[in-house]
Amino acid sequence: MKIRPLRKDLVDYLVKWALLKRLNKQKKLFETDPYNTSLKTEILEPKSLRIYSFRITRNWRAIFVYIGRDTIEIIDINNHYK
């Protein structure tokens, strides 16, 4: 699995919340096994939009879409419990 480079605004957001190192760790895991149980990868509702998420930390999630068979783009980072 390949992950497209992050947009600058997302990188800035990750730096602000001190999540960049953790996301890089999770990205490596995702690239090896996108459905590893520690990532908690899931499709979001409504499922027809085909938007997914995986866990960065217990509270933070990366929201992504498939842009090809083996490529994703992270479109948002958000606090899962806010």
PDB file of N, CA and C in Angstrom:
ATOM      1  N   MET A   1       0.858  -1.178   0.000  1.00  0.00           N
ATOM      2  CA  MET A   1       0.000   0.000   0.000  1.00  0.00           C
ATOM      3  C   MET A   1       0.897   1.232   0.000  1.00  0.00           C
ATOM      4  N   LYS A   2       0.523   2.221  -0.761  1.00  0.00           N
ATOM      5  CA  LYS A   2       1.270   3.472  -0.842  1.00  0.00           C
ATOM      6  C   LYS A   2       0.403   4.613  -0.312  1.00  0.00           C
ATOM      7  N   ILE A   3       1.040   5.527   0.426  1.00  0.00           N
ATOM      8  CA  ILE A   3       0.347   6.705   0.943  1.00  0.00           C
ATOM      9  C   ILE A   3       0.954   7.932   0.277  1.00  0.00           C
ATOM     10  N   ARG A   4       0.108   8.727  -0.348  1.00  0.00           N
ATOM     11  CA  ARG A   4       0.596   9.954  -0.994  1.00  0.00           C
ATOM     12  C   ARG A   4       1.142  10.918   0.061  1.00  0.00           C
ATOM     13  N   PRO A   5       2.107  11.758  -0.326  1.00  0.00           N
ATOM     14  CA  PRO A   5       2.639  12.748   0.623  1.00  0.00           C
ATOM     15  C   PRO A   5       1.528  13.646   1.174  1.00  0.00           C
ATOM     16  N   LEU A   6       1.677  14.010   2.421  1.00  0.00           N
ATOM     17  CA  LEU A   6       0.673  14.853   3.080  1.00  0.00           C
ATOM     18  C   LEU A   6       0.720  16.282   2.569  1.00  0.00           C
ATOM     19  N   ARG A   7      -0.449  16.916   2.534  1.00  0.00           N
ATOM     20  CA  ARG A   7      -0.522  18.344   2.226  1.00  0.00           C
ATOM     21  C   ARG A   7       0.169  19.126   3.345  1.00  0.00           C
ATOM     22  N   LYS A   8       0.659  20.310   3.010  1.00  0.00           N
ATOM     23  CA  LYS A   8       1.377  21.132   3.986  1.00  0.00           C
ATOM     24  C   LYS A   8       0.506  21.490   5.182  1.00  0.00           C
ATOM     25  N   ASP A   9      -0.761  21.783   4.963  1.00  0.00           N
ATOM     26  CA  ASP A   9      -1.633  22.143   6.084  1.00  0.00           C
ATOM     27  C   ASP A   9      -1.785  20.987   7.072  1.00  0.00           C
ATOM     28  N   LEU A  10      -1.796  19.754   6.571  1.00  0.00           N
ATOM     29  CA  LEU A  10      -1.897  18.600   7.469  1.00  0.00           C
ATOM     30  C   LEU A  10      -0.605  18.403   8.248  1.00  0.00           C
ATOM     31  N   VAL A  11       0.523  18.593   7.589  1.00  0.00           N
ATOM     32  CA  VAL A  11       1.812  18.481   8.284  1.00  0.00           C
ATOM     33  C   VAL A  11       1.885  19.535   9.381  1.00  0.00           C
ATOM     34  N   ASP A  12       1.497  20.759   9.072  1.00  0.00           N
ATOM     35  CA  ASP A  12       1.504  21.833  10.069  1.00  0.00           C
ATOM     36  C   ASP A  12       0.601  21.492  11.255  1.00  0.00           C
ATOM     37  N   TYR A  13      -0.547  20.928  10.979  1.00  0.00           N
ATOM     38  CA  TYR A  13      -1.491  20.537  12.031  1.00  0.00           C
ATOM     39  C   TYR A  13      -0.881  19.443  12.912  1.00  0.00           C
ATOM     40  N   LEU A  14      -0.233  18.462  12.286  1.00  0.00           N
ATOM     41  CA  LEU A  14       0.405  17.390  13.048  1.00  0.00           C
ATOM     42  C   LEU A  14       1.526  17.924  13.934  1.00  0.00           C
ATOM     43  N   VAL A  15       2.299  18.863  13.417  1.00  0.00           N
ATOM     44  CA  VAL A  15       3.376  19.468  14.205  1.00  0.00           C
ATOM     45  C   VAL A  15       2.788  20.226  15.393  1.00  0.00           C
ATOM     46  N   LYS A  16       1.716  20.972  15.142  1.00  0.00           N
ATOM     47  CA  LYS A  16       1.060  21.742  16.206  1.00  0.00           C
ATOM     48  C   LYS A  16       0.633  20.849  17.367  1.00  0.00           C
ATOM     49  N   TRP A  17       0.114  19.669  17.052  1.00  0.00           N
ATOM     50  CA  TRP A  17      -0.388  18.760  18.078  1.00  0.00           C
ATOM     51  C   TRP A  17       0.621  17.666  18.446  1.00  0.00           C
ATOM     52  N   ALA A  18       1.862  17.796  17.980  1.00  0.00           N
ATOM     53  CA  ALA A  18       2.947  16.849  18.296  1.00  0.00           C
ATOM     54  C   ALA A  18       2.585  15.412  17.907  1.00  0.00           C
ATOM     55  N   LEU A  19       2.040  15.240  16.699  1.00  0.00           N
ATOM     56  CA  LEU A  19       1.607  13.929  16.227  1.00  0.00           C
ATOM     57  C   LEU A  19       2.390  13.417  15.022  1.00  0.00           C
ATOM     58  N   LEU A  20       3.317  14.196  14.507  1.00  0.00           N
ATOM     59  CA  LEU A  20       3.995  13.819  13.269  1.00  0.00           C
ATOM     60  C   LEU A  20       4.779  12.509  13.415  1.00  0.00           C
ATOM     61  N   LYS A  21       5.520  12.365  14.480  1.00  0.00           N
ATOM     62  CA  LYS A  21       6.300  11.143  14.702  1.00  0.00           C
ATOM     63  C   LYS A  21       5.385   9.917  14.808  1.00  0.00           C
ATOM     64  N   ARG A  22       4.296  10.085  15.529  1.00  0.00           N
ATOM     65  CA  ARG A  22       3.358   8.966  15.710  1.00  0.00           C
ATOM     66  C   ARG A  22       2.688   8.594  14.380  1.00  0.00           C
ATOM     67  N   LEU A  23       2.312   9.606  13.575  1.00  0.00           N
ATOM     68  CA  LEU A  23       1.705   9.308  12.280  1.00  0.00           C
ATOM     69  C   LEU A  23       2.691   8.571  11.385  1.00  0.00           C
ATOM     70  N   ASN A  24       3.941   8.988  11.381  1.00  0.00           N
ATOM     71  CA  ASN A  24       4.933   8.311  10.551  1.00  0.00           C
ATOM     72  C   ASN A  24       5.069   6.841  10.929  1.00  0.00           C
ATOM     73  N   LYS A  25       5.007   6.541  12.218  1.00  0.00           N
ATOM     74  CA  LYS A  25       5.053   5.151  12.680  1.00  0.00           C
ATOM     75  C   LYS A  25       3.828   4.377  12.170  1.00  0.00           C
ATOM     76  N   GLN A  26       2.663   4.984  12.305  1.00  0.00           N
ATOM     77  CA  GLN A  26       1.434   4.323  11.874  1.00  0.00           C
ATOM     78  C   GLN A  26       1.377   4.178  10.350  1.00  0.00           C
ATOM     79  N   LYS A  27       1.923   5.153   9.617  1.00  0.00           N
ATOM     80  CA  LYS A  27       1.962   5.057   8.154  1.00  0.00           C
ATOM     81  C   LYS A  27       2.786   3.851   7.711  1.00  0.00           C
ATOM     82  N   LYS A  28       3.917   3.627   8.358  1.00  0.00           N
ATOM     83  CA  LYS A  28       4.748   2.456   8.017  1.00  0.00           C
ATOM     84  C   LYS A  28       3.983   1.168   8.261  1.00  0.00           C
ATOM     85  N   LEU A  29       3.284   1.103   9.372  1.00  0.00           N
ATOM     86  CA  LEU A  29       2.469  -0.077   9.674  1.00  0.00           C
ATOM     87  C   LEU A  29       1.361  -0.241   8.642  1.00  0.00           C
ATOM     88  N   PHE A  30       0.703   0.861   8.281  1.00  0.00           N
ATOM     89  CA  PHE A  30      -0.377   0.822   7.299  1.00  0.00           C
ATOM     90  C   PHE A  30       0.132   0.338   5.947  1.00  0.00           C
ATOM     91  N   GLU A  31       1.304   0.824   5.535  1.00  0.00           N
ATOM     92  CA  GLU A  31       1.858   0.435   4.239  1.00  0.00           C
ATOM     93  C   GLU A  31       2.168  -1.059   4.186  1.00  0.00           C
ATOM     94  N   THR A  32       2.501  -1.638   5.325  1.00  0.00           N
ATOM     95  CA  THR A  32       2.787  -3.066   5.401  1.00  0.00           C
ATOM     96  C   THR A  32       1.507  -3.894   5.505  1.00  0.00           C
ATOM     97  N   ASP A  33       0.593  -3.447   6.373  1.00  0.00           N
ATOM     98  CA  ASP A  33      -0.649  -4.191   6.626  1.00  0.00           C
ATOM     99  C   ASP A  33      -1.773  -3.208   6.957  1.00  0.00           C
ATOM    100  N   PRO A  34      -2.529  -2.745   5.939  1.00  0.00           N
ATOM    101  CA  PRO A  34      -3.555  -1.724   6.169  1.00  0.00           C
ATOM    102  C   PRO A  34      -4.640  -2.120   7.161  1.00  0.00           C
ATOM    103  N   TYR A  35      -4.814  -3.399   7.396  1.00  0.00           N
ATOM    104  CA  TYR A  35      -5.871  -3.829   8.309  1.00  0.00           C
ATOM    105  C   TYR A  35      -5.318  -4.458   9.581  1.00  0.00           C
ATOM    106  N   ASN A  36      -4.110  -4.052   9.955  1.00  0.00           N
ATOM    107  CA  ASN A  36      -3.541  -4.480  11.223  1.00  0.00           C
ATOM    108  C   ASN A  36      -4.495  -4.050  12.331  1.00  0.00           C
ATOM    109  N   THR A  37      -4.716  -4.915  13.294  1.00  0.00           N
ATOM    110  CA  THR A  37      -5.717  -4.623  14.328  1.00  0.00           C
ATOM    111  C   THR A  37      -5.377  -3.393  15.158  1.00  0.00           C
ATOM    112  N   SER A  38      -4.104  -3.058  15.311  1.00  0.00           N
ATOM    113  CA  SER A  38      -3.762  -1.874  16.109  1.00  0.00           C
ATOM    114  C   SER A  38      -4.109  -0.568  15.395  1.00  0.00           C
ATOM    115  N   LEU A  39      -4.306  -0.624  14.077  1.00  0.00           N
ATOM    116  CA  LEU A  39      -4.696   0.570  13.330  1.00  0.00           C
ATOM    117  C   LEU A  39      -6.186   0.865  13.423  1.00  0.00           C
ATOM    118  N   LYS A  40      -6.957  -0.162  13.698  1.00  0.00           N
ATOM    119  CA  LYS A  40      -8.418  -0.006  13.768  1.00  0.00           C
ATOM    120  C   LYS A  40      -8.972   0.654  12.496  1.00  0.00           C
ATOM    121  N   THR A  41      -8.510   0.200  11.337  1.00  0.00           N
ATOM    122  CA  THR A  41      -8.970   0.743  10.058  1.00  0.00           C
ATOM    123  C   THR A  41     -10.446   0.438   9.888  1.00  0.00           C
ATOM    124  N   GLU A  42     -11.202   1.458   9.467  1.00  0.00           N
ATOM    125  CA  GLU A  42     -12.643   1.265   9.295  1.00  0.00           C
ATOM    126  C   GLU A  42     -13.175   2.193   8.214  1.00  0.00           C
ATOM    127  N   ILE A  43     -14.286   1.771   7.632  1.00  0.00           N
ATOM    128  CA  ILE A  43     -14.992   2.626   6.677  1.00  0.00           C
ATOM    129  C   ILE A  43     -15.984   3.471   7.477  1.00  0.00           C
ATOM    130  N   LEU A  44     -16.099   4.732   7.106  1.00  0.00           N
ATOM    131  CA  LEU A  44     -16.973   5.642   7.839  1.00  0.00           C
ATOM    132  C   LEU A  44     -18.355   5.717   7.197  1.00  0.00           C
ATOM    133  N   GLU A  45     -19.311   6.129   7.981  1.00  0.00           N
ATOM    134  CA  GLU A  45     -20.685   6.302   7.494  1.00  0.00           C
ATOM    135  C   GLU A  45     -20.848   7.664   6.839  1.00  0.00           C
ATOM    136  N   PRO A  46     -21.601   7.798   5.797  1.00  0.00           N
ATOM    137  CA  PRO A  46     -22.247   6.728   5.042  1.00  0.00           C
ATOM    138  C   PRO A  46     -21.212   5.984   4.187  1.00  0.00           C
ATOM    139  N   LYS A  47     -21.329   4.687   4.180  1.00  0.00           N
ATOM    140  CA  LYS A  47     -20.362   3.844   3.496  1.00  0.00           C
ATOM    141  C   LYS A  47     -20.282   4.126   2.001  1.00  0.00           C
ATOM    142  N   SER A  48     -21.331   4.650   1.430  1.00  0.00           N
ATOM    143  CA  SER A  48     -21.355   4.923  -0.012  1.00  0.00           C
ATOM    144  C   SER A  48     -20.309   5.964  -0.424  1.00  0.00           C
ATOM    145  N   LEU A  49     -19.840   6.798   0.515  1.00  0.00           N
ATOM    146  CA  LEU A  49     -18.826   7.804   0.200  1.00  0.00           C
ATOM    147  C   LEU A  49     -17.423   7.201   0.125  1.00  0.00           C
ATOM    148  N   ARG A  50     -17.244   6.002   0.653  1.00  0.00           N
ATOM    149  CA  ARG A  50     -15.968   5.279   0.644  1.00  0.00           C
ATOM    150  C   ARG A  50     -14.834   6.096   1.262  1.00  0.00           C
ATOM    151  N   ILE A  51     -15.101   6.630   2.437  1.00  0.00           N
ATOM    152  CA  ILE A  51     -14.111   7.352   3.227  1.00  0.00           C
ATOM    153  C   ILE A  51     -13.754   6.460   4.417  1.00  0.00           C
ATOM    154  N   TYR A  52     -12.449   6.343   4.683  1.00  0.00           N
ATOM    155  CA  TYR A  52     -11.952   5.433   5.708  1.00  0.00           C
ATOM    156  C   TYR A  52     -11.147   6.191   6.751  1.00  0.00           C
ATOM    157  N   SER A  53     -10.826   5.511   7.844  1.00  0.00           N
ATOM    158  CA  SER A  53      -9.935   6.090   8.845  1.00  0.00           C
ATOM    159  C   SER A  53      -9.066   5.001   9.448  1.00  0.00           C
ATOM    160  N   PHE A  54      -7.915   5.438   9.971  1.00  0.00           N
ATOM    161  CA  PHE A  54      -7.103   4.544  10.789  1.00  0.00           C
ATOM    162  C   PHE A  54      -6.575   5.334  11.980  1.00  0.00           C
ATOM    163  N   ARG A  55      -6.232   4.620  13.026  1.00  0.00           N
ATOM    164  CA  ARG A  55      -5.828   5.216  14.284  1.00  0.00           C
ATOM    165  C   ARG A  55      -4.382   5.718  14.222  1.00  0.00           C
ATOM    166  N   ILE A  56      -4.183   6.953  14.685  1.00  0.00           N
ATOM    167  CA  ILE A  56      -2.836   7.492  14.884  1.00  0.00           C
ATOM    168  C   ILE A  56      -2.453   7.276  16.346  1.00  0.00           C
ATOM    169  N   THR A  57      -3.331   7.702  17.241  1.00  0.00           N
ATOM    170  CA  THR A  57      -3.203   7.442  18.679  1.00  0.00           C
ATOM    171  C   THR A  57      -4.586   7.034  19.159  1.00  0.00           C
ATOM    172  N   ARG A  58      -4.694   6.846  20.427  1.00  0.00           N
ATOM    173  CA  ARG A  58      -6.000   6.476  20.984  1.00  0.00           C
ATOM    174  C   ARG A  58      -7.068   7.517  20.637  1.00  0.00           C
ATOM    175  N   ASN A  59      -6.683   8.808  20.594  1.00  0.00           N
ATOM    176  CA  ASN A  59      -7.651   9.880  20.361  1.00  0.00           C
ATOM    177  C   ASN A  59      -7.658  10.438  18.949  1.00  0.00           C
ATOM    178  N   TRP A  60      -6.606  10.233  18.176  1.00  0.00           N
ATOM    179  CA  TRP A  60      -6.472  10.871  16.872  1.00  0.00           C
ATOM    180  C   TRP A  60      -6.574   9.856  15.742  1.00  0.00           C
ATOM    181  N   ARG A  61      -7.280  10.260  14.661  1.00  0.00           N
ATOM    182  CA  ARG A  61      -7.491   9.395  13.504  1.00  0.00           C
ATOM    183  C   ARG A  61      -7.061  10.107  12.227  1.00  0.00           C
ATOM    184  N   ALA A  62      -6.567   9.331  11.281  1.00  0.00           N
ATOM    185  CA  ALA A  62      -6.258   9.823   9.938  1.00  0.00           C
ATOM    186  C   ALA A  62      -7.426   9.417   9.042  1.00  0.00           C
ATOM    187  N   ILE A  63      -8.004  10.376   8.357  1.00  0.00           N
ATOM    188  CA  ILE A  63      -9.124  10.129   7.453  1.00  0.00           C
ATOM    189  C   ILE A  63      -8.548  10.050   6.041  1.00  0.00           C
ATOM    190  N   PHE A  64      -8.924   9.008   5.294  1.00  0.00           N
ATOM    191  CA  PHE A  64      -8.326   8.836   3.981  1.00  0.00           C
ATOM    192  C   PHE A  64      -9.304   8.277   2.961  1.00  0.00           C
ATOM    193  N   VAL A  65      -8.915   8.418   1.692  1.00  0.00           N
ATOM    194  CA  VAL A  65      -9.666   7.851   0.574  1.00  0.00           C
ATOM    195  C   VAL A  65      -8.691   7.104  -0.322  1.00  0.00           C
ATOM    196  N   TYR A  66      -9.194   6.087  -0.980  1.00  0.00           N
ATOM    197  CA  TYR A  66      -8.397   5.382  -1.982  1.00  0.00           C
ATOM    198  C   TYR A  66      -8.409   6.207  -3.265  1.00  0.00           C
ATOM    199  N   ILE A  67      -7.238   6.389  -3.852  1.00  0.00           N
ATOM    200  CA  ILE A  67      -7.154   7.111  -5.120  1.00  0.00           C
ATOM    201  C   ILE A  67      -6.624   6.200  -6.221  1.00  0.00           C
ATOM    202  N   GLY A  68      -6.534   4.957  -5.920  1.00  0.00           N
ATOM    203  CA  GLY A  68      -6.113   3.919  -6.844  1.00  0.00           C
ATOM    204  C   GLY A  68      -6.230   2.598  -6.111  1.00  0.00           C
ATOM    205  N   ARG A  69      -5.912   1.550  -6.795  1.00  0.00           N
ATOM    206  CA  ARG A  69      -6.049   0.229  -6.175  1.00  0.00           C
ATOM    207  C   ARG A  69      -5.166   0.071  -4.934  1.00  0.00           C
ATOM    208  N   ASP A  70      -3.939   0.598  -5.010  1.00  0.00           N
ATOM    209  CA  ASP A  70      -2.988   0.430  -3.908  1.00  0.00           C
ATOM    210  C   ASP A  70      -2.457   1.752  -3.375  1.00  0.00           C
ATOM    211  N   THR A  71      -3.205   2.836  -3.542  1.00  0.00           N
ATOM    212  CA  THR A  71      -2.742   4.145  -3.108  1.00  0.00           C
ATOM    213  C   THR A  71      -3.865   4.869  -2.365  1.00  0.00           C
ATOM    214  N   ILE A  72      -3.482   5.500  -1.262  1.00  0.00           N
ATOM    215  CA  ILE A  72      -4.456   6.307  -0.521  1.00  0.00           C
ATOM    216  C   ILE A  72      -3.924   7.717  -0.370  1.00  0.00           C
ATOM    217  N   GLU A  73      -4.866   8.628  -0.058  1.00  0.00           N
ATOM    218  CA  GLU A  73      -4.495   9.997   0.290  1.00  0.00           C
ATOM    219  C   GLU A  73      -5.177  10.341   1.601  1.00  0.00           C
ATOM    220  N   ILE A  74      -4.381  10.792   2.558  1.00  0.00           N
ATOM    221  CA  ILE A  74      -4.940  11.246   3.834  1.00  0.00           C
ATOM    222  C   ILE A  74      -5.513  12.635   3.602  1.00  0.00           C
ATOM    223  N   ILE A  75      -6.802  12.777   3.868  1.00  0.00           N
ATOM    224  CA  ILE A  75      -7.481  14.040   3.589  1.00  0.00           C
ATOM    225  C   ILE A  75      -7.750  14.860   4.839  1.00  0.00           C
ATOM    226  N   ASP A  76      -7.634  14.240   6.012  1.00  0.00           N
ATOM    227  CA  ASP A  76      -7.885  14.977   7.238  1.00  0.00           C
ATOM    228  C   ASP A  76      -7.277  14.217   8.416  1.00  0.00           C
ATOM    229  N   ILE A  77      -6.987  14.948   9.457  1.00  0.00           N
ATOM    230  CA  ILE A  77      -6.560  14.401  10.752  1.00  0.00           C
ATOM    231  C   ILE A  77      -7.524  14.993  11.761  1.00  0.00           C
ATOM    232  N   ASN A  78      -8.113  14.142  12.591  1.00  0.00           N
ATOM    233  CA  ASN A  78      -9.031  14.728  13.575  1.00  0.00           C
ATOM    234  C   ASN A  78      -9.010  13.990  14.894  1.00  0.00           C
ATOM    235  N   ASN A  79      -9.508  14.689  15.904  1.00  0.00           N
ATOM    236  CA  ASN A  79      -9.642  14.119  17.237  1.00  0.00           C
ATOM    237  C   ASN A  79     -10.914  13.265  17.235  1.00  0.00           C
ATOM    238  N   HIS A  80     -10.744  12.010  17.464  1.00  0.00           N
ATOM    239  CA  HIS A  80     -11.835  11.037  17.355  1.00  0.00           C
ATOM    240  C   HIS A  80     -12.955  11.285  18.366  1.00  0.00           C
ATOM    241  N   TYR A  81     -12.650  11.920  19.475  1.00  0.00           N
ATOM    242  CA  TYR A  81     -13.642  12.060  20.523  1.00  0.00           C
ATOM    243  C   TYR A  81     -14.188  13.472  20.699  1.00  0.00           C
ATOM    244  N   LYS A  82     -13.902  14.372  19.762  1.00  0.00           N
ATOM    245  CA  LYS A  82     -14.453  15.726  19.865  1.00  0.00           C
ATOM    246  C   LYS A  82     -15.594  15.913  18.916  1.00  0.00           C
TER     247      LYS A  82
END
